[in-house]
Protein backbone atom coordinates (compact mmCIF):
# COMPACT_ATOMS: atom_id res chain seq x y z
CA MET A 1 44.16 120.38 99.10
CA SER A 2 45.51 118.27 96.29
CA ALA A 3 44.32 117.30 92.84
CA PRO A 4 44.86 113.93 91.14
CA LEU A 5 47.34 113.98 88.25
CA PRO A 6 48.54 111.05 86.11
CA VAL A 7 52.05 109.70 86.65
CA LEU A 8 53.16 108.89 83.10
CA LYS A 9 54.95 105.68 82.11
CA ALA A 10 58.00 107.59 80.87
CA LEU A 11 61.21 109.11 82.18
CA ALA A 12 62.79 112.50 81.53
CA GLY A 13 66.58 112.46 81.56
CA THR A 14 68.76 115.18 82.98
CA ASP A 15 71.91 116.40 81.24
CA GLY A 16 74.02 113.35 80.46
CA SER A 17 71.12 110.89 80.91
CA ARG A 18 68.74 109.90 78.15
CA GLY A 19 65.01 110.02 78.66
CA ASP A 20 62.36 107.85 77.07
CA LYS A 21 61.75 108.33 73.36
CA LYS A 22 58.10 109.23 72.85
CA LEU A 23 56.30 111.58 70.46
CA SER A 24 54.53 113.70 73.06
CA LEU A 25 53.34 113.63 76.66
CA GLU A 26 49.71 113.30 75.57
CA ARG A 27 50.26 109.86 74.02
CA ILE A 28 51.79 108.19 77.08
CA GLY A 29 49.75 106.02 79.38
CA ALA A 30 49.63 106.58 83.12
CA SER A 31 50.85 104.12 85.73
CA LYS A 32 48.71 105.70 88.47
CA LEU A 33 47.16 108.93 89.72
CA THR A 34 48.76 110.84 92.55
CA GLY A 35 47.85 113.96 94.48
CA ALA A 36 49.53 117.22 93.52
CA PRO A 37 49.20 120.76 94.90
CA ARG A 38 46.25 122.66 93.40
CA GLU A 39 48.54 125.48 92.21
CA TRP A 40 50.05 122.98 89.74
CA CYS A 41 46.63 122.38 88.22
CA ASN A 42 45.71 125.64 86.48
CA HIS A 43 45.64 123.60 83.26
CA ALA A 44 44.84 120.22 84.86
CA ARG A 45 43.87 118.63 81.55
CA TYR A 46 47.36 119.43 80.20
CA THR A 47 49.35 118.73 83.37
CA SER A 48 50.97 115.38 84.07
CA LEU A 49 53.70 113.91 86.22
CA LEU A 50 56.95 112.53 84.84
CA ARG A 51 59.77 110.75 86.66
CA VAL A 52 63.38 111.95 86.35
CA ARG A 53 66.44 109.86 85.49
CA GLY A 54 69.93 111.20 86.18
CA HIS A 55 71.80 113.28 88.74
CA SER A 56 72.90 116.48 86.97
CA ARG A 57 70.14 118.60 88.54
CA GLU A 58 70.95 117.55 92.10
CA PRO A 59 70.64 118.59 94.84
CA ARG A 60 67.39 120.28 93.74
CA ILE A 61 66.01 117.52 91.54
CA GLY A 62 67.27 113.97 91.96
CA SER A 63 66.93 110.74 90.05
CA GLY A 64 63.50 109.27 90.82
CA ASP A 65 61.88 112.61 91.63
CA ILE A 66 58.59 113.40 89.90
CA LEU A 67 58.12 116.56 87.79
CA ALA A 68 54.78 118.28 87.25
CA VAL A 69 54.74 119.34 83.58
CA ASP A 70 52.21 121.69 81.97
CA SER A 71 52.19 120.84 78.24
CA LEU A 72 50.06 123.89 77.46
CA GLN A 73 52.97 126.19 78.36
CA THR A 74 55.36 126.04 75.38
CA ASP A 75 55.62 129.70 74.31
CA PRO A 76 59.39 130.46 74.40
CA SER A 77 58.82 134.12 75.30
CA LYS A 78 57.15 133.00 78.55
CA LEU A 79 59.68 130.29 79.45
CA VAL A 80 62.88 132.32 79.87
CA GLY A 81 64.63 131.21 83.06
CA LYS A 82 62.15 128.37 83.66
CA LEU A 83 62.73 124.64 83.84
CA VAL A 84 61.24 122.90 80.84
CA VAL A 85 60.85 119.41 79.48
CA VAL A 86 62.09 119.10 75.94
CA ILE A 87 62.16 116.20 73.51
CA HIS A 88 64.63 115.08 70.89
CA GLU A 89 64.19 112.19 68.48
CA GLU A 90 67.43 110.51 69.56
CA ASN A 91 67.78 111.69 73.18
CA GLY A 92 64.16 111.44 74.28
CA PHE A 93 62.69 113.59 77.04
CA CYS A 94 65.06 115.84 78.99
CA VAL A 95 64.62 118.45 81.73
CA SER A 96 66.68 121.62 81.36
CA ARG A 97 66.70 125.36 82.03
CA PHE A 98 65.44 127.53 79.14
CA ARG A 99 67.50 130.68 78.53
CA ARG A 100 67.44 133.39 75.89
CA TYR A 101 70.54 135.34 74.85
CA GLU A 102 69.58 138.08 72.39
CA THR A 103 68.30 135.98 69.46
CA LEU A 104 69.43 132.55 70.71
CA ASP A 105 67.24 130.15 72.66
CA VAL A 106 69.38 127.82 74.76
CA LEU A 107 68.93 124.81 77.05
CA GLN A 108 71.35 125.20 79.93
CA SER A 109 72.47 122.77 82.60
CA GLU A 110 72.91 123.68 86.25
CA SER A 111 76.27 121.89 86.03
CA PRO A 112 79.16 123.51 84.12
CA GLN A 113 80.36 120.07 82.95
CA TYR A 114 77.53 119.97 80.38
CA LYS A 115 77.49 122.23 77.34
CA ALA A 116 74.49 124.39 76.55
CA ILE A 117 72.31 123.31 73.63
CA VAL A 118 71.28 125.97 71.11
CA LEU A 119 67.70 125.50 69.96
CA GLY A 120 66.78 126.09 66.37
CA LYS A 121 64.85 124.67 63.45
CA ASN A 122 67.53 122.06 62.75
CA SER A 123 68.52 121.22 66.34
CA GLY A 124 65.91 118.49 66.70
CA TRP A 125 64.86 119.74 70.17
CA ARG A 126 61.30 120.84 70.93
CA VAL A 127 59.81 122.19 74.17
CA VAL A 128 56.92 120.01 75.34
CA GLY A 129 56.07 121.81 78.57
CA ARG A 130 57.02 123.91 81.57
CA VAL A 131 58.01 122.29 84.85
CA LEU A 132 55.66 123.61 87.53
CA GLY A 133 57.34 121.88 90.46
CA TRP A 134 58.53 118.49 91.62
CA ILE A 135 57.97 115.86 94.28
CA SER A 136 61.07 114.45 95.91
CA ALA A 137 61.44 110.68 95.79
CA ALA A 138 63.01 110.90 99.24
CA SER A 139 59.81 112.17 100.85
């Protein structure tokens, strides 16, 4: 069974690709509704779909794929090792892996060619939600 989720009119970049500059996921209009697995809908009111731009997460997530993002899940202590969507005023939305090293919260690429980003009060980055899964554009 599937549940309808909104496909937002915005793109999340991967490392090296900028995403759309928006304030939050909640303020973006939807281009359409599409079916998503029920297990992605525990917080259906806070879950939306967001297209990806860029190739740094391939082969797992490619440009054009659609991410399911739960904007209710932003607690850093529960996101360690998870894919997240973050936002930055200048870089827009981005998908990255959330890591914690002792007292440092870090966004880390799958590709060694991109440097990790240390999160902090002055970094300008903010987690907007956890990636629950994705739909391949190839399917």
